[in-house]
């Protein structure tokens, strides 16, 4: 069995342009929150770069 890292999975999903609504974890779970945080980290950085014209 492999250890899953929901935060890293969320980061990977954001890099692949998978929407935040695709979070595979149960809403309200720790894993859901970690996945969302990872996704937001990448998505917000991408949005900041785009707003700066990069």
PDB file of N, CA and C in Angstrom:
ATOM      1  N   UNK A   1       0.837  -1.183   0.000  1.00  0.00           N
ATOM      2  CA  UNK A   1       0.000   0.000   0.000  1.00  0.00           C
ATOM      3  C   UNK A   1       0.881   1.246   0.000  1.00  0.00           C
ATOM      4  N   UNK A   2       0.557   2.212  -0.834  1.00  0.00           N
ATOM      5  CA  UNK A   2       1.332   3.446  -0.883  1.00  0.00           C
ATOM      6  C   UNK A   2       0.662   4.506  -0.030  1.00  0.00           C
ATOM      7  N   UNK A   3       1.484   5.349   0.568  1.00  0.00           N
ATOM      8  CA  UNK A   3       0.961   6.480   1.342  1.00  0.00           C
ATOM      9  C   UNK A   3       0.575   7.574   0.367  1.00  0.00           C
ATOM     10  N   UNK A   4      -0.659   8.037   0.472  1.00  0.00           N
ATOM     11  CA  UNK A   4      -1.134   9.107  -0.389  1.00  0.00           C
ATOM     12  C   UNK A   4      -0.881  10.437   0.291  1.00  0.00           C
ATOM     13  N   UNK A   5      -0.567  11.427  -0.502  1.00  0.00           N
ATOM     14  CA  UNK A   5      -0.355  12.777  -0.003  1.00  0.00           C
ATOM     15  C   UNK A   5      -1.389  13.684  -0.668  1.00  0.00           C
ATOM     16  N   UNK A   6      -2.518  13.916   0.007  1.00  0.00           N
ATOM     17  CA  UNK A   6      -3.582  14.720  -0.603  1.00  0.00           C
ATOM     18  C   UNK A   6      -3.127  16.122  -1.016  1.00  0.00           C
ATOM     19  N   UNK A   7      -2.222  16.736  -0.249  1.00  0.00           N
ATOM     20  CA  UNK A   7      -1.735  18.062  -0.600  1.00  0.00           C
ATOM     21  C   UNK A   7      -1.011  18.020  -1.945  1.00  0.00           C
ATOM     22  N   UNK A   8      -0.103  17.057  -2.103  1.00  0.00           N
ATOM     23  CA  UNK A   8       0.635  16.911  -3.362  1.00  0.00           C
ATOM     24  C   UNK A   8      -0.308  16.549  -4.506  1.00  0.00           C
ATOM     25  N   UNK A   9      -1.312  15.741  -4.230  1.00  0.00           N
ATOM     26  CA  UNK A   9      -2.291  15.390  -5.267  1.00  0.00           C
ATOM     27  C   UNK A   9      -3.058  16.632  -5.728  1.00  0.00           C
ATOM     28  N   UNK A  10      -3.402  17.509  -4.800  1.00  0.00           N
ATOM     29  CA  UNK A  10      -4.088  18.748  -5.146  1.00  0.00           C
ATOM     30  C   UNK A  10      -3.205  19.667  -5.980  1.00  0.00           C
ATOM     31  N   UNK A  11      -1.921  19.743  -5.611  1.00  0.00           N
ATOM     32  CA  UNK A  11      -0.977  20.533  -6.403  1.00  0.00           C
ATOM     33  C   UNK A  11      -0.891  19.988  -7.828  1.00  0.00           C
ATOM     34  N   UNK A  12      -0.761  18.684  -7.941  1.00  0.00           N
ATOM     35  CA  UNK A  12      -0.655  18.032  -9.251  1.00  0.00           C
ATOM     36  C   UNK A  12      -1.913  18.285 -10.085  1.00  0.00           C
ATOM     37  N   UNK A  13      -3.066  18.198  -9.451  1.00  0.00           N
ATOM     38  CA  UNK A  13      -4.327  18.433 -10.157  1.00  0.00           C
ATOM     39  C   UNK A  13      -4.384  19.858 -10.699  1.00  0.00           C
ATOM     40  N   UNK A  14      -3.967  20.823  -9.908  1.00  0.00           N
ATOM     41  CA  UNK A  14      -3.982  22.218 -10.362  1.00  0.00           C
ATOM     42  C   UNK A  14      -3.036  22.409 -11.536  1.00  0.00           C
ATOM     43  N   UNK A  15      -1.876  21.777 -11.485  1.00  0.00           N
ATOM     44  CA  UNK A  15      -0.921  21.881 -12.600  1.00  0.00           C
ATOM     45  C   UNK A  15      -1.492  21.282 -13.880  1.00  0.00           C
ATOM     46  N   UNK A  16      -2.370  20.302 -13.728  1.00  0.00           N
ATOM     47  CA  UNK A  16      -2.985  19.637 -14.882  1.00  0.00           C
ATOM     48  C   UNK A  16      -4.315  20.300 -15.263  1.00  0.00           C
ATOM     49  N   UNK A  17      -4.575  21.470 -14.677  1.00  0.00           N
ATOM     50  CA  UNK A  17      -5.804  22.234 -14.946  1.00  0.00           C
ATOM     51  C   UNK A  17      -7.079  21.475 -14.602  1.00  0.00           C
ATOM     52  N   UNK A  18      -7.002  20.613 -13.607  1.00  0.00           N
ATOM     53  CA  UNK A  18      -8.178  19.919 -13.097  1.00  0.00           C
ATOM     54  C   UNK A  18      -8.860  20.870 -12.118  1.00  0.00           C
ATOM     55  N   UNK A  19     -10.158  21.099 -12.264  1.00  0.00           N
ATOM     56  CA  UNK A  19     -10.838  22.075 -11.401  1.00  0.00           C
ATOM     57  C   UNK A  19     -10.904  21.625  -9.940  1.00  0.00           C
ATOM     58  N   UNK A  20     -10.972  22.601  -9.050  1.00  0.00           N
ATOM     59  CA  UNK A  20     -11.040  22.317  -7.613  1.00  0.00           C
ATOM     60  C   UNK A  20     -12.257  21.461  -7.262  1.00  0.00           C
ATOM     61  N   UNK A  21     -13.318  21.591  -8.042  1.00  0.00           N
ATOM     62  CA  UNK A  21     -14.536  20.809  -7.781  1.00  0.00           C
ATOM     63  C   UNK A  21     -14.313  19.311  -7.973  1.00  0.00           C
ATOM     64  N   UNK A  22     -13.199  18.930  -8.573  1.00  0.00           N
ATOM     65  CA  UNK A  22     -12.899  17.522  -8.813  1.00  0.00           C
ATOM     66  C   UNK A  22     -12.218  16.848  -7.615  1.00  0.00           C
ATOM     67  N   UNK A  23     -12.150  17.546  -6.499  1.00  0.00           N
ATOM     68  CA  UNK A  23     -11.540  16.984  -5.291  1.00  0.00           C
ATOM     69  C   UNK A  23     -12.156  15.614  -5.006  1.00  0.00           C
ATOM     70  N   UNK A  24     -11.324  14.555  -4.976  1.00  0.00           N
ATOM     71  CA  UNK A  24     -11.858  13.204  -4.829  1.00  0.00           C
ATOM     72  C   UNK A  24     -12.198  12.795  -3.395  1.00  0.00           C
ATOM     73  N   UNK A  25     -11.849  13.625  -2.435  1.00  0.00           N
ATOM     74  CA  UNK A  25     -12.041  13.268  -1.032  1.00  0.00           C
ATOM     75  C   UNK A  25     -13.385  13.762  -0.506  1.00  0.00           C
ATOM     76  N   UNK A  26     -13.852  13.105   0.527  1.00  0.00           N
ATOM     77  CA  UNK A  26     -15.131  13.443   1.142  1.00  0.00           C
ATOM     78  C   UNK A  26     -15.086  14.842   1.738  1.00  0.00           C
ATOM     79  N   UNK A  27     -16.067  15.656   1.373  1.00  0.00           N
ATOM     80  CA  UNK A  27     -16.155  17.021   1.882  1.00  0.00           C
ATOM     81  C   UNK A  27     -16.175  16.998   3.404  1.00  0.00           C
ATOM     82  N   UNK A  28     -15.352  17.830   4.003  1.00  0.00           N
ATOM     83  CA  UNK A  28     -15.270  17.905   5.458  1.00  0.00           C
ATOM     84  C   UNK A  28     -14.153  17.056   6.049  1.00  0.00           C
ATOM     85  N   UNK A  29     -13.533  16.195   5.228  1.00  0.00           N
ATOM     86  CA  UNK A  29     -12.453  15.346   5.743  1.00  0.00           C
ATOM     87  C   UNK A  29     -11.131  16.116   5.731  1.00  0.00           C
ATOM     88  N   UNK A  30     -10.178  15.643   6.518  1.00  0.00           N
ATOM     89  CA  UNK A  30      -8.848  16.253   6.530  1.00  0.00           C
ATOM     90  C   UNK A  30      -8.213  16.166   5.146  1.00  0.00           C
ATOM     91  N   UNK A  31      -8.407  15.033   4.472  1.00  0.00           N
ATOM     92  CA  UNK A  31      -7.834  14.838   3.149  1.00  0.00           C
ATOM     93  C   UNK A  31      -8.406  15.845   2.153  1.00  0.00           C
ATOM     94  N   UNK A  32      -9.709  16.108   2.265  1.00  0.00           N
ATOM     95  CA  UNK A  32     -10.361  17.086   1.383  1.00  0.00           C
ATOM     96  C   UNK A  32      -9.729  18.459   1.588  1.00  0.00           C
ATOM     97  N   UNK A  33      -9.518  18.830   2.831  1.00  0.00           N
ATOM     98  CA  UNK A  33      -8.918  20.133   3.140  1.00  0.00           C
ATOM     99  C   UNK A  33      -7.479  20.214   2.629  1.00  0.00           C
ATOM    100  N   UNK A  34      -6.717  19.157   2.792  1.00  0.00           N
ATOM    101  CA  UNK A  34      -5.333  19.149   2.319  1.00  0.00           C
ATOM    102  C   UNK A  34      -5.272  19.234   0.798  1.00  0.00           C
ATOM    103  N   UNK A  35      -6.124  18.464   0.118  1.00  0.00           N
ATOM    104  CA  UNK A  35      -6.165  18.480  -1.341  1.00  0.00           C
ATOM    105  C   UNK A  35      -6.510  19.892  -1.818  1.00  0.00           C
ATOM    106  N   UNK A  36      -7.509  20.497  -1.194  1.00  0.00           N
ATOM    107  CA  UNK A  36      -7.921  21.852  -1.558  1.00  0.00           C
ATOM    108  C   UNK A  36      -6.793  22.858  -1.337  1.00  0.00           C
ATOM    109  N   UNK A  37      -6.079  22.724  -0.240  1.00  0.00           N
ATOM    110  CA  UNK A  37      -4.973  23.641   0.057  1.00  0.00           C
ATOM    111  C   UNK A  37      -3.868  23.508  -0.985  1.00  0.00           C
ATOM    112  N   UNK A  38      -3.545  22.295  -1.371  1.00  0.00           N
ATOM    113  CA  UNK A  38      -2.531  22.091  -2.402  1.00  0.00           C
ATOM    114  C   UNK A  38      -2.976  22.666  -3.736  1.00  0.00           C
ATOM    115  N   UNK A  39      -4.221  22.446  -4.075  1.00  0.00           N
ATOM    116  CA  UNK A  39      -4.764  22.966  -5.328  1.00  0.00           C
ATOM    117  C   UNK A  39      -4.731  24.486  -5.314  1.00  0.00           C
ATOM    118  N   UNK A  40      -5.158  25.092  -4.239  1.00  0.00           N
ATOM    119  CA  UNK A  40      -5.206  26.550  -4.121  1.00  0.00           C
ATOM    120  C   UNK A  40      -3.812  27.157  -4.197  1.00  0.00           C
ATOM    121  N   UNK A  41      -2.826  26.499  -3.612  1.00  0.00           N
ATOM    122  CA  UNK A  41      -1.449  27.005  -3.646  1.00  0.00           C
ATOM    123  C   UNK A  41      -0.997  27.196  -5.087  1.00  0.00           C
ATOM    124  N   UNK A  42      -1.217  26.207  -5.919  1.00  0.00           N
ATOM    125  CA  UNK A  42      -0.786  26.274  -7.313  1.00  0.00           C
ATOM    126  C   UNK A  42      -1.687  27.202  -8.120  1.00  0.00           C
ATOM    127  N   UNK A  43      -2.990  27.074  -7.938  1.00  0.00           N
ATOM    128  CA  UNK A  43      -3.932  27.889  -8.714  1.00  0.00           C
ATOM    129  C   UNK A  43      -3.751  29.376  -8.423  1.00  0.00           C
ATOM    130  N   UNK A  44      -3.556  29.736  -7.172  1.00  0.00           N
ATOM    131  CA  UNK A  44      -3.405  31.153  -6.843  1.00  0.00           C
ATOM    132  C   UNK A  44      -2.081  31.694  -7.370  1.00  0.00           C
ATOM    133  N   UNK A  45      -1.032  30.892  -7.341  1.00  0.00           N
ATOM    134  CA  UNK A  45       0.254  31.333  -7.894  1.00  0.00           C
ATOM    135  C   UNK A  45       0.127  31.536  -9.401  1.00  0.00           C
ATOM    136  N   UNK A  46      -0.588  30.645 -10.078  1.00  0.00           N
ATOM    137  CA  UNK A  46      -0.796  30.769 -11.521  1.00  0.00           C
ATOM    138  C   UNK A  46      -1.594  32.036 -11.827  1.00  0.00           C
ATOM    139  N   UNK A  47      -2.643  32.288 -11.057  1.00  0.00           N
ATOM    140  CA  UNK A  47      -3.465  33.475 -11.278  1.00  0.00           C
ATOM    141  C   UNK A  47      -2.654  34.752 -11.046  1.00  0.00           C
ATOM    142  N   UNK A  48      -1.780  34.754 -10.055  1.00  0.00           N
ATOM    143  CA  UNK A  48      -0.959  35.925  -9.782  1.00  0.00           C
ATOM    144  C   UNK A  48      -0.016  36.201 -10.953  1.00  0.00           C
ATOM    145  N   UNK A  49       0.587  35.159 -11.494  1.00  0.00           N
ATOM    146  CA  UNK A  49       1.472  35.334 -12.646  1.00  0.00           C
ATOM    147  C   UNK A  49       0.696  35.868 -13.854  1.00  0.00           C
ATOM    148  N   UNK A  50      -0.495  35.332 -14.060  1.00  0.00           N
ATOM    149  CA  UNK A  50      -1.298  35.768 -15.205  1.00  0.00           C
ATOM    150  C   UNK A  50      -1.723  37.227 -15.052  1.00  0.00           C
ATOM    151  N   UNK A  51      -2.032  37.646 -13.841  1.00  0.00           N
ATOM    152  CA  UNK A  51      -2.467  39.033 -13.640  1.00  0.00           C
ATOM    153  C   UNK A  51      -1.298  40.005 -13.802  1.00  0.00           C
ATOM    154  N   UNK A  52      -0.068  39.494 -13.655  1.00  0.00           N
ATOM    155  CA  UNK A  52       1.120  40.322 -13.860  1.00  0.00           C
ATOM    156  C   UNK A  52       1.536  40.328 -15.332  1.00  0.00           C
ATOM    157  N   UNK A  53       0.808  39.580 -16.150  1.00  0.00           N
ATOM    158  CA  UNK A  53       1.095  39.536 -17.570  1.00  0.00           C
ATOM    159  C   UNK A  53       2.183  38.572 -17.977  1.00  0.00           C
ATOM    160  N   UNK A  54       2.475  37.601 -17.146  1.00  0.00           N
ATOM    161  CA  UNK A  54       3.525  36.621 -17.458  1.00  0.00           C
ATOM    162  C   UNK A  54       2.949  35.421 -18.166  1.00  0.00           C
TER     163      UNK A  54
END
